[in-house]
């Protein structure tokens, strides 16, 4: 799967990019026909404590899934967004089987 990580208004270090790639690639354990994914990491309003935003969009055959989470750290936001996408992928896969 092709994973594209975009950092908006900051420069992401290699450790964060590797973490995001690993998490998003784990979605292939649930559905192996994922075509590509795009991740946007943003810093929203510097004064707030929970200002790290992770938006993940994955492209499936005939469907596009999206999750957006905001937390204290990019890792936590990415975890929650990937978990939301995991549930969406399982639901989509269930509909294909029926």
Protein backbone atom coordinates (compact mmCIF):
# COMPACT_ATOMS: atom_id res chain seq x y z
CA UNK A 1 0.00 0.00 0.00
CA UNK A 2 1.18 3.49 -0.81
CA UNK A 3 1.18 5.73 2.30
CA UNK A 4 1.73 9.45 1.84
CA UNK A 5 2.40 11.48 5.01
CA UNK A 6 1.92 15.25 4.85
CA UNK A 7 2.87 17.55 7.72
CA UNK A 8 1.13 20.93 7.68
CA UNK A 9 2.75 23.98 9.35
CA UNK A 10 5.64 21.94 10.81
CA UNK A 11 8.34 19.50 9.74
CA UNK A 12 7.79 15.92 10.87
CA UNK A 13 10.86 13.96 11.96
CA UNK A 14 11.63 10.53 10.50
CA UNK A 15 10.62 8.76 13.73
CA UNK A 16 7.07 10.18 13.51
CA UNK A 17 6.77 9.36 9.80
CA UNK A 18 7.90 5.78 10.44
CA UNK A 19 5.40 5.44 13.31
CA UNK A 20 2.53 6.68 11.13
CA UNK A 21 3.52 4.38 8.23
CA UNK A 22 3.66 1.35 10.53
CA UNK A 23 0.24 2.09 12.05
CA UNK A 24 -1.48 2.73 8.73
CA UNK A 25 0.07 -0.34 7.11
CA UNK A 26 -1.43 -2.52 9.87
CA UNK A 27 -4.84 -1.81 8.32
CA UNK A 28 -3.88 -4.27 5.59
CA UNK A 29 -4.20 -7.07 8.15
CA UNK A 30 -7.97 -6.48 8.07
CA UNK A 31 -8.41 -5.77 4.34
CA UNK A 32 -5.65 -6.37 1.82
CA UNK A 33 -7.21 -4.47 -1.10
CA UNK A 34 -6.37 -1.00 0.24
CA UNK A 35 -5.10 0.97 -2.75
CA UNK A 36 -3.47 3.95 -1.04
CA UNK A 37 -3.68 6.15 2.02
CA UNK A 38 -2.98 9.78 2.73
CA UNK A 39 -2.18 11.14 6.18
CA UNK A 40 -2.28 14.81 7.17
CA UNK A 41 -0.63 15.83 10.43
CA UNK A 42 -1.49 19.35 11.55
CA UNK A 43 -0.82 21.59 14.55
CA UNK A 44 -4.05 23.40 15.37
CA UNK A 45 -4.01 26.56 17.56
CA UNK A 46 -0.69 26.43 19.40
CA UNK A 47 -2.19 27.58 22.73
CA UNK A 48 -4.36 24.50 23.24
CA UNK A 49 -3.03 21.37 24.95
CA UNK A 50 -4.79 18.96 22.58
CA UNK A 51 -3.67 20.66 19.39
CA UNK A 52 -2.25 17.74 17.37
CA UNK A 53 -4.54 16.67 14.54
CA UNK A 54 -4.29 13.49 12.46
CA UNK A 55 -6.47 13.04 9.38
CA UNK A 56 -6.25 9.74 7.50
CA UNK A 57 -7.95 8.93 4.21
CA UNK A 58 -7.75 5.47 2.68
CA UNK A 59 -8.87 4.47 -0.77
CA UNK A 60 -10.54 1.08 -1.27
CA UNK A 61 -11.98 -0.33 -4.49
CA UNK A 62 -15.17 1.72 -4.95
CA UNK A 63 -14.98 3.39 -1.53
CA UNK A 64 -13.07 6.07 0.37
CA UNK A 65 -12.84 6.03 4.17
CA UNK A 66 -11.80 8.93 6.38
CA UNK A 67 -11.00 9.49 10.06
CA UNK A 68 -9.93 12.64 11.92
CA UNK A 69 -8.75 12.76 15.53
CA UNK A 70 -7.29 15.49 17.74
CA UNK A 71 -5.13 14.73 20.81
CA UNK A 72 -2.11 15.83 22.84
CA UNK A 73 0.38 13.99 20.61
CA UNK A 74 0.49 12.94 16.97
CA UNK A 75 1.05 9.34 18.03
CA UNK A 76 -2.13 9.27 20.12
CA UNK A 77 -4.15 10.99 17.39
CA UNK A 78 -2.82 8.55 14.79
CA UNK A 79 -3.66 5.57 17.03
CA UNK A 80 -7.25 6.74 17.46
CA UNK A 81 -7.71 7.55 13.77
CA UNK A 82 -6.33 4.16 12.69
CA UNK A 83 -8.63 2.44 15.20
CA UNK A 84 -11.63 4.31 13.76
CA UNK A 85 -10.58 3.30 10.25
CA UNK A 86 -10.13 -0.30 11.37
CA UNK A 87 -13.77 -0.37 12.47
CA UNK A 88 -14.86 1.22 9.17
CA UNK A 89 -12.82 -1.28 7.14
CA UNK A 90 -14.30 -4.24 9.04
CA UNK A 91 -17.81 -2.86 8.47
CA UNK A 92 -17.10 -2.34 4.75
CA UNK A 93 -15.63 -5.83 4.44
CA UNK A 94 -18.72 -7.28 6.16
CA UNK A 95 -20.96 -5.58 3.60
CA UNK A 96 -18.90 -7.06 0.75
CA UNK A 97 -19.32 -10.58 2.11
CA UNK A 98 -23.11 -10.17 2.42
